[in-house]
PDB file of N, CA and C in Angstrom:
ATOM      1  N   UNK A   1       0.848  -1.172   0.000  1.00  0.00           N
ATOM      2  CA  UNK A   1       0.000   0.000   0.000  1.00  0.00           C
ATOM      3  C   UNK A   1       0.892   1.232   0.000  1.00  0.00           C
ATOM      4  N   UNK A   2       0.482   2.207  -0.786  1.00  0.00           N
ATOM      5  CA  UNK A   2       1.229   3.461  -0.864  1.00  0.00           C
ATOM      6  C   UNK A   2       0.315   4.612  -0.439  1.00  0.00           C
ATOM      7  N   UNK A   3       0.772   5.370   0.528  1.00  0.00           N
ATOM      8  CA  UNK A   3       0.002   6.494   1.040  1.00  0.00           C
ATOM      9  C   UNK A   3       0.830   7.760   0.865  1.00  0.00           C
ATOM     10  N   UNK A   4       0.196   8.794   0.320  1.00  0.00           N
ATOM     11  CA  UNK A   4       0.887  10.061   0.132  1.00  0.00           C
ATOM     12  C   UNK A   4       0.121  11.172   0.829  1.00  0.00           C
ATOM     13  N   UNK A   5       0.877  12.000   1.537  1.00  0.00           N
ATOM     14  CA  UNK A   5       0.334  13.218   2.104  1.00  0.00           C
ATOM     15  C   UNK A   5       0.819  14.343   1.199  1.00  0.00           C
ATOM     16  N   UNK A   6      -0.108  15.095   0.645  1.00  0.00           N
ATOM     17  CA  UNK A   6       0.243  16.192  -0.245  1.00  0.00           C
ATOM     18  C   UNK A   6       0.123  17.497   0.528  1.00  0.00           C
ATOM     19  N   UNK A   7       1.215  18.254   0.594  1.00  0.00           N
ATOM     20  CA  UNK A   7       1.156  19.517   1.316  1.00  0.00           C
ATOM     21  C   UNK A   7       2.460  20.255   1.298  1.00  0.00           C
ATOM     22  N   UNK A   8       2.368  21.522   1.650  1.00  0.00           N
ATOM     23  CA  UNK A   8       3.526  22.411   1.580  1.00  0.00           C
ATOM     24  C   UNK A   8       4.363  22.417   2.856  1.00  0.00           C
ATOM     25  N   UNK A   9       3.896  21.736   3.879  1.00  0.00           N
ATOM     26  CA  UNK A   9       4.637  21.719   5.134  1.00  0.00           C
ATOM     27  C   UNK A   9       3.925  22.469   6.245  1.00  0.00           C
ATOM     28  N   UNK A  10       2.653  22.772   6.042  1.00  0.00           N
ATOM     29  CA  UNK A  10       1.885  23.505   7.053  1.00  0.00           C
ATOM     30  C   UNK A  10       1.559  22.595   8.240  1.00  0.00           C
ATOM     31  N   UNK A  11       1.034  23.189   9.296  1.00  0.00           N
ATOM     32  CA  UNK A  11       0.716  22.434  10.509  1.00  0.00           C
ATOM     33  C   UNK A  11      -0.321  21.339  10.241  1.00  0.00           C
ATOM     34  N   UNK A  12      -1.333  21.643   9.424  1.00  0.00           N
ATOM     35  CA  UNK A  12      -2.358  20.637   9.121  1.00  0.00           C
ATOM     36  C   UNK A  12      -1.760  19.463   8.351  1.00  0.00           C
ATOM     37  N   UNK A  13      -0.818  19.754   7.466  1.00  0.00           N
ATOM     38  CA  UNK A  13      -0.171  18.682   6.695  1.00  0.00           C
ATOM     39  C   UNK A  13       0.621  17.761   7.621  1.00  0.00           C
ATOM     40  N   UNK A  14       1.353  18.357   8.558  1.00  0.00           N
ATOM     41  CA  UNK A  14       2.110  17.556   9.524  1.00  0.00           C
ATOM     42  C   UNK A  14       1.180  16.760  10.431  1.00  0.00           C
ATOM     43  N   UNK A  15       0.050  17.365  10.804  1.00  0.00           N
ATOM     44  CA  UNK A  15      -0.928  16.673  11.638  1.00  0.00           C
ATOM     45  C   UNK A  15      -1.489  15.460  10.891  1.00  0.00           C
ATOM     46  N   UNK A  16      -1.800  15.634   9.605  1.00  0.00           N
ATOM     47  CA  UNK A  16      -2.307  14.527   8.804  1.00  0.00           C
ATOM     48  C   UNK A  16      -1.269  13.415   8.703  1.00  0.00           C
ATOM     49  N   UNK A  17      -0.018  13.783   8.464  1.00  0.00           N
ATOM     50  CA  UNK A  17       1.046  12.780   8.370  1.00  0.00           C
ATOM     51  C   UNK A  17       1.139  11.976   9.662  1.00  0.00           C
ATOM     52  N   UNK A  18       1.116  12.657  10.797  1.00  0.00           N
ATOM     53  CA  UNK A  18       1.227  11.986  12.090  1.00  0.00           C
ATOM     54  C   UNK A  18       0.043  11.049  12.324  1.00  0.00           C
ATOM     55  N   UNK A  19      -1.155  11.516  12.005  1.00  0.00           N
ATOM     56  CA  UNK A  19      -2.350  10.689  12.206  1.00  0.00           C
ATOM     57  C   UNK A  19      -2.314   9.460  11.308  1.00  0.00           C
ATOM     58  N   UNK A  20      -1.901   9.621  10.063  1.00  0.00           N
ATOM     59  CA  UNK A  20      -1.792   8.479   9.144  1.00  0.00           C
ATOM     60  C   UNK A  20      -0.806   7.455   9.694  1.00  0.00           C
ATOM     61  N   UNK A  21       0.343   7.915  10.181  1.00  0.00           N
ATOM     62  CA  UNK A  21       1.337   6.997  10.740  1.00  0.00           C
ATOM     63  C   UNK A  21       0.779   6.236  11.940  1.00  0.00           C
ATOM     64  N   UNK A  22       0.013   6.935  12.794  1.00  0.00           N
ATOM     65  CA  UNK A  22      -0.593   6.284  13.955  1.00  0.00           C
ATOM     66  C   UNK A  22      -1.564   5.190  13.515  1.00  0.00           C
ATOM     67  N   UNK A  23      -2.411   5.507  12.540  1.00  0.00           N
ATOM     68  CA  UNK A  23      -3.401   4.530  12.063  1.00  0.00           C
ATOM     69  C   UNK A  23      -2.711   3.324  11.439  1.00  0.00           C
ATOM     70  N   UNK A  24      -1.706   3.551  10.613  1.00  0.00           N
ATOM     71  CA  UNK A  24      -0.980   2.452   9.969  1.00  0.00           C
ATOM     72  C   UNK A  24      -0.352   1.552  11.027  1.00  0.00           C
ATOM     73  N   UNK A  25       0.252   2.150  12.061  1.00  0.00           N
ATOM     74  CA  UNK A  25       0.857   1.361  13.141  1.00  0.00           C
ATOM     75  C   UNK A  25      -0.197   0.570  13.920  1.00  0.00           C
ATOM     76  N   UNK A  26      -1.331   1.225  14.211  1.00  0.00           N
ATOM     77  CA  UNK A  26      -2.393   0.553  14.964  1.00  0.00           C
ATOM     78  C   UNK A  26      -3.003  -0.600  14.175  1.00  0.00           C
ATOM     79  N   UNK A  27      -3.089  -0.442  12.852  1.00  0.00           N
ATOM     80  CA  UNK A  27      -3.668  -1.488  12.009  1.00  0.00           C
ATOM     81  C   UNK A  27      -2.650  -2.579  11.655  1.00  0.00           C
ATOM     82  N   UNK A  28      -1.382  -2.333  11.979  1.00  0.00           N
ATOM     83  CA  UNK A  28      -0.306  -3.290  11.689  1.00  0.00           C
ATOM     84  C   UNK A  28      -0.279  -3.688  10.215  1.00  0.00           C
ATOM     85  N   UNK A  29      -0.315  -2.680   9.351  1.00  0.00           N
ATOM     86  CA  UNK A  29      -0.255  -2.961   7.917  1.00  0.00           C
ATOM     87  C   UNK A  29       1.068  -2.477   7.349  1.00  0.00           C
ATOM     88  N   UNK A  30       1.410  -3.039   6.207  1.00  0.00           N
ATOM     89  CA  UNK A  30       2.632  -2.670   5.521  1.00  0.00           C
ATOM     90  C   UNK A  30       2.293  -1.559   4.532  1.00  0.00           C
ATOM     91  N   UNK A  31       2.753  -0.362   4.813  1.00  0.00           N
ATOM     92  CA  UNK A  31       2.447   0.770   3.944  1.00  0.00           C
ATOM     93  C   UNK A  31       3.658   1.682   3.812  1.00  0.00           C
ATOM     94  N   UNK A  32       3.871   2.159   2.607  1.00  0.00           N
ATOM     95  CA  UNK A  32       4.893   3.171   2.351  1.00  0.00           C
ATOM     96  C   UNK A  32       4.205   4.523   2.459  1.00  0.00           C
ATOM     97  N   UNK A  33       4.727   5.384   3.324  1.00  0.00           N
ATOM     98  CA  UNK A  33       4.124   6.705   3.520  1.00  0.00           C
ATOM     99  C   UNK A  33       5.089   7.759   2.994  1.00  0.00           C
ATOM    100  N   UNK A  34       4.580   8.590   2.101  1.00  0.00           N
ATOM    101  CA  UNK A  34       5.396   9.646   1.502  1.00  0.00           C
ATOM    102  C   UNK A  34       4.767  11.002   1.783  1.00  0.00           C
ATOM    103  N   UNK A  35       5.605  11.980   2.050  1.00  0.00           N
ATOM    104  CA  UNK A  35       5.157  13.355   2.226  1.00  0.00           C
ATOM    105  C   UNK A  35       5.599  14.106   0.973  1.00  0.00           C
ATOM    106  N   UNK A  36       4.643  14.465   0.129  1.00  0.00           N
ATOM    107  CA  UNK A  36       4.936  15.133  -1.135  1.00  0.00           C
ATOM    108  C   UNK A  36       4.801  16.634  -0.943  1.00  0.00           C
ATOM    109  N   UNK A  37       5.930  17.348  -1.039  1.00  0.00           N
ATOM    110  CA  UNK A  37       5.934  18.800  -0.845  1.00  0.00           C
ATOM    111  C   UNK A  37       6.137  19.566  -2.144  1.00  0.00           C
ATOM    112  N   UNK A  38       6.568  18.880  -3.185  1.00  0.00           N
ATOM    113  CA  UNK A  38       6.849  19.522  -4.465  1.00  0.00           C
ATOM    114  C   UNK A  38       5.539  19.964  -5.118  1.00  0.00           C
ATOM    115  N   UNK A  39       5.417  21.262  -5.371  1.00  0.00           N
ATOM    116  CA  UNK A  39       4.170  21.818  -5.888  1.00  0.00           C
ATOM    117  C   UNK A  39       3.778  21.196  -7.235  1.00  0.00           C
ATOM    118  N   UNK A  40       4.728  21.006  -8.132  1.00  0.00           N
ATOM    119  CA  UNK A  40       4.380  20.425  -9.428  1.00  0.00           C
ATOM    120  C   UNK A  40       3.891  18.985  -9.272  1.00  0.00           C
ATOM    121  N   UNK A  41       4.442  18.257  -8.313  1.00  0.00           N
ATOM    122  CA  UNK A  41       3.976  16.887  -8.049  1.00  0.00           C
ATOM    123  C   UNK A  41       2.570  16.902  -7.453  1.00  0.00           C
ATOM    124  N   UNK A  42       2.314  17.859  -6.559  1.00  0.00           N
ATOM    125  CA  UNK A  42       0.982  17.977  -5.944  1.00  0.00           C
ATOM    126  C   UNK A  42      -0.056  18.309  -7.006  1.00  0.00           C
ATOM    127  N   UNK A  43       0.325  19.156  -7.968  1.00  0.00           N
ATOM    128  CA  UNK A  43      -0.618  19.583  -9.004  1.00  0.00           C
ATOM    129  C   UNK A  43      -1.004  18.459  -9.960  1.00  0.00           C
ATOM    130  N   UNK A  44      -0.317  17.329  -9.899  1.00  0.00           N
ATOM    131  CA  UNK A  44      -0.683  16.176 -10.722  1.00  0.00           C
ATOM    132  C   UNK A  44      -1.972  15.511 -10.217  1.00  0.00           C
ATOM    133  N   UNK A  45      -2.372  15.854  -8.992  1.00  0.00           N
ATOM    134  CA  UNK A  45      -3.574  15.273  -8.399  1.00  0.00           C
ATOM    135  C   UNK A  45      -4.715  16.291  -8.440  1.00  0.00           C
ATOM    136  N   UNK A  46      -5.956  15.808  -8.554  1.00  0.00           N
ATOM    137  CA  UNK A  46      -7.098  16.721  -8.647  1.00  0.00           C
ATOM    138  C   UNK A  46      -7.532  17.275  -7.287  1.00  0.00           C
ATOM    139  N   UNK A  47      -6.660  18.077  -6.678  1.00  0.00           N
ATOM    140  CA  UNK A  47      -7.030  18.713  -5.410  1.00  0.00           C
ATOM    141  C   UNK A  47      -6.881  20.226  -5.562  1.00  0.00           C
ATOM    142  N   UNK A  48      -7.705  20.948  -4.822  1.00  0.00           N
ATOM    143  CA  UNK A  48      -7.663  22.412  -4.858  1.00  0.00           C
ATOM    144  C   UNK A  48      -6.840  22.933  -3.684  1.00  0.00           C
ATOM    145  N   UNK A  49      -7.056  22.362  -2.506  1.00  0.00           N
ATOM    146  CA  UNK A  49      -6.350  22.819  -1.311  1.00  0.00           C
ATOM    147  C   UNK A  49      -5.694  21.639  -0.599  1.00  0.00           C
ATOM    148  N   UNK A  50      -4.622  21.948   0.112  1.00  0.00           N
ATOM    149  CA  UNK A  50      -3.930  20.937   0.901  1.00  0.00           C
ATOM    150  C   UNK A  50      -4.408  21.031   2.348  1.00  0.00           C
ATOM    151  N   UNK A  51      -4.216  20.018   3.148  1.00  0.00           N
ATOM    152  CA  UNK A  51      -3.520  18.781   2.821  1.00  0.00           C
ATOM    153  C   UNK A  51      -4.379  17.830   1.991  1.00  0.00           C
ATOM    154  N   UNK A  52      -3.682  17.027   1.211  1.00  0.00           N
ATOM    155  CA  UNK A  52      -4.353  15.998   0.441  1.00  0.00           C
ATOM    156  C   UNK A  52      -3.888  14.628   0.915  1.00  0.00           C
ATOM    157  N   UNK A  53      -4.778  13.669   0.843  1.00  0.00           N
ATOM    158  CA  UNK A  53      -4.448  12.298   1.232  1.00  0.00           C
ATOM    159  C   UNK A  53      -4.729  11.389   0.046  1.00  0.00           C
ATOM    160  N   UNK A  54      -3.695  10.681  -0.395  1.00  0.00           N
ATOM    161  CA  UNK A  54      -3.792   9.799  -1.557  1.00  0.00           C
ATOM    162  C   UNK A  54      -3.418   8.387  -1.113  1.00  0.00           C
ATOM    163  N   UNK A  55      -4.307   7.445  -1.386  1.00  0.00           N
ATOM    164  CA  UNK A  55      -4.036   6.049  -1.051  1.00  0.00           C
ATOM    165  C   UNK A  55      -4.082   5.237  -2.339  1.00  0.00           C
ATOM    166  N   UNK A  56      -2.964   4.572  -2.638  1.00  0.00           N
ATOM    167  CA  UNK A  56      -2.843   3.791  -3.876  1.00  0.00           C
ATOM    168  C   UNK A  56      -3.255   4.616  -5.093  1.00  0.00           C
ATOM    169  N   UNK A  57      -2.744   5.838  -5.148  1.00  0.00           N
ATOM    170  CA  UNK A  57      -2.954   6.768  -6.259  1.00  0.00           C
ATOM    171  C   UNK A  57      -4.390   7.249  -6.410  1.00  0.00           C
ATOM    172  N   UNK A  58      -5.206   7.107  -5.366  1.00  0.00           N
ATOM    173  CA  UNK A  58      -6.578   7.623  -5.388  1.00  0.00           C
ATOM    174  C   UNK A  58      -6.702   8.685  -4.299  1.00  0.00           C
ATOM    175  N   UNK A  59      -7.137   9.890  -4.695  1.00  0.00           N
ATOM    176  CA  UNK A  59      -7.341  10.959  -3.722  1.00  0.00           C
ATOM    177  C   UNK A  59      -8.571  10.619  -2.890  1.00  0.00           C
ATOM    178  N   UNK A  60      -8.377  10.531  -1.573  1.00  0.00           N
ATOM    179  CA  UNK A  60      -9.496  10.193  -0.690  1.00  0.00           C
ATOM    180  C   UNK A  60      -9.922  11.377   0.175  1.00  0.00           C
ATOM    181  N   UNK A  61      -9.064  12.401   0.257  1.00  0.00           N
ATOM    182  CA  UNK A  61      -9.403  13.572   1.065  1.00  0.00           C
ATOM    183  C   UNK A  61      -8.533  14.740   0.636  1.00  0.00           C
ATOM    184  N   UNK A  62      -9.110  15.950   0.701  1.00  0.00           N
ATOM    185  CA  UNK A  62      -8.301  17.144   0.455  1.00  0.00           C
ATOM    186  C   UNK A  62      -8.912  18.336   1.162  1.00  0.00           C
ATOM    187  N   UNK A  63      -8.034  19.269   1.535  1.00  0.00           N
ATOM    188  CA  UNK A  63      -8.479  20.509   2.155  1.00  0.00           C
ATOM    189  C   UNK A  63      -8.809  20.434   3.629  1.00  0.00           C
ATOM    190  N   UNK A  64      -8.611  19.283   4.240  1.00  0.00           N
ATOM    191  CA  UNK A  64      -8.914  19.129   5.672  1.00  0.00           C
ATOM    192  C   UNK A  64      -8.127  17.956   6.231  1.00  0.00           C
ATOM    193  N   UNK A  65      -8.154  17.839   7.560  1.00  0.00           N
ATOM    194  CA  UNK A  65      -7.518  16.711   8.219  1.00  0.00           C
ATOM    195  C   UNK A  65      -8.619  15.751   8.665  1.00  0.00           C
ATOM    196  N   UNK A  66      -8.736  14.605   7.997  1.00  0.00           N
ATOM    197  CA  UNK A  66      -9.767  13.641   8.403  1.00  0.00           C
ATOM    198  C   UNK A  66      -9.469  13.056   9.783  1.00  0.00           C
ATOM    199  N   UNK A  67     -10.514  12.570  10.440  1.00  0.00           N
ATOM    200  CA  UNK A  67     -10.345  11.952  11.755  1.00  0.00           C
ATOM    201  C   UNK A  67      -9.650  10.603  11.608  1.00  0.00           C
ATOM    202  N   UNK A  68      -9.191  10.073  12.747  1.00  0.00           N
ATOM    203  CA  UNK A  68      -8.557   8.744  12.728  1.00  0.00           C
ATOM    204  C   UNK A  68      -9.528   7.700  12.207  1.00  0.00           C
ATOM    205  N   UNK A  69     -10.795   7.819  12.584  1.00  0.00           N
ATOM    206  CA  UNK A  69     -11.798   6.859  12.133  1.00  0.00           C
ATOM    207  C   UNK A  69     -11.963   6.930  10.617  1.00  0.00           C
ATOM    208  N   UNK A  70     -11.972   8.135  10.070  1.00  0.00           N
ATOM    209  CA  UNK A  70     -12.088   8.289   8.616  1.00  0.00           C
ATOM    210  C   UNK A  70     -10.877   7.698   7.901  1.00  0.00           C
ATOM    211  N   UNK A  71      -9.690   7.972   8.423  1.00  0.00           N
ATOM    212  CA  UNK A  71      -8.465   7.454   7.806  1.00  0.00           C
ATOM    213  C   UNK A  71      -8.458   5.931   7.867  1.00  0.00           C
ATOM    214  N   UNK A  72      -8.890   5.370   8.987  1.00  0.00           N
ATOM    215  CA  UNK A  72      -8.993   3.917   9.117  1.00  0.00           C
ATOM    216  C   UNK A  72      -9.937   3.364   8.058  1.00  0.00           C
ATOM    217  N   UNK A  73     -11.052   4.035   7.856  1.00  0.00           N
ATOM    218  CA  UNK A  73     -12.026   3.612   6.854  1.00  0.00           C
ATOM    219  C   UNK A  73     -11.441   3.690   5.444  1.00  0.00           C
ATOM    220  N   UNK A  74     -10.721   4.782   5.141  1.00  0.00           N
ATOM    221  CA  UNK A  74     -10.090   4.930   3.824  1.00  0.00           C
ATOM    222  C   UNK A  74      -9.112   3.786   3.562  1.00  0.00           C
ATOM    223  N   UNK A  75      -8.295   3.474   4.566  1.00  0.00           N
ATOM    224  CA  UNK A  75      -7.290   2.424   4.417  1.00  0.00           C
ATOM    225  C   UNK A  75      -7.961   1.054   4.280  1.00  0.00           C
ATOM    226  N   UNK A  76      -8.994   0.802   5.087  1.00  0.00           N
ATOM    227  CA  UNK A  76      -9.716  -0.465   5.021  1.00  0.00           C
ATOM    228  C   UNK A  76     -10.322  -0.671   3.641  1.00  0.00           C
ATOM    229  N   UNK A  77     -10.940   0.378   3.107  1.00  0.00           N
ATOM    230  CA  UNK A  77     -11.531   0.303   1.766  1.00  0.00           C
ATOM    231  C   UNK A  77     -10.451   0.024   0.717  1.00  0.00           C
ATOM    232  N   UNK A  78      -9.313   0.688   0.829  1.00  0.00           N
ATOM    233  CA  UNK A  78      -8.222   0.479  -0.117  1.00  0.00           C
ATOM    234  C   UNK A  78      -7.693  -0.954  -0.039  1.00  0.00           C
ATOM    235  N   UNK A  79      -7.603  -1.502   1.169  1.00  0.00           N
ATOM    236  CA  UNK A  79      -7.145  -2.888   1.325  1.00  0.00           C
ATOM    237  C   UNK A  79      -8.116  -3.867   0.690  1.00  0.00           C
ATOM    238  N   UNK A  80      -9.425  -3.590   0.828  1.00  0.00           N
ATOM    239  CA  UNK A  80     -10.434  -4.466   0.242  1.00  0.00           C
ATOM    240  C   UNK A  80     -10.374  -4.439  -1.281  1.00  0.00           C
ATOM    241  N   UNK A  81      -9.935  -3.307  -1.843  1.00  0.00           N
ATOM    242  CA  UNK A  81      -9.901  -3.153  -3.298  1.00  0.00           C
ATOM    243  C   UNK A  81      -8.588  -3.577  -3.926  1.00  0.00           C
ATOM    244  N   UNK A  82      -7.645  -4.056  -3.120  1.00  0.00           N
ATOM    245  CA  UNK A  82      -6.350  -4.469  -3.668  1.00  0.00           C
ATOM    246  C   UNK A  82      -6.460  -5.797  -4.380  1.00  0.00           C
TER     247      UNK A  82
END
């Protein structure tokens, strides 16, 4: 599983990264987590505002920090679709 946090380095982006790491650890799954800060790379995804959350190349959230429960749900859905 590949998870990307899209953001410029703001507090919300760091908060999202930390929450994603917590969820991945709690779920005991094997996931590569990347923090994408390059603006041209971020613009490759259909998001208007950061932070963005991309799981297996699918944008699941943008412009806000989802709750741990939401992130767990996003990851669970992605695992089911693998």
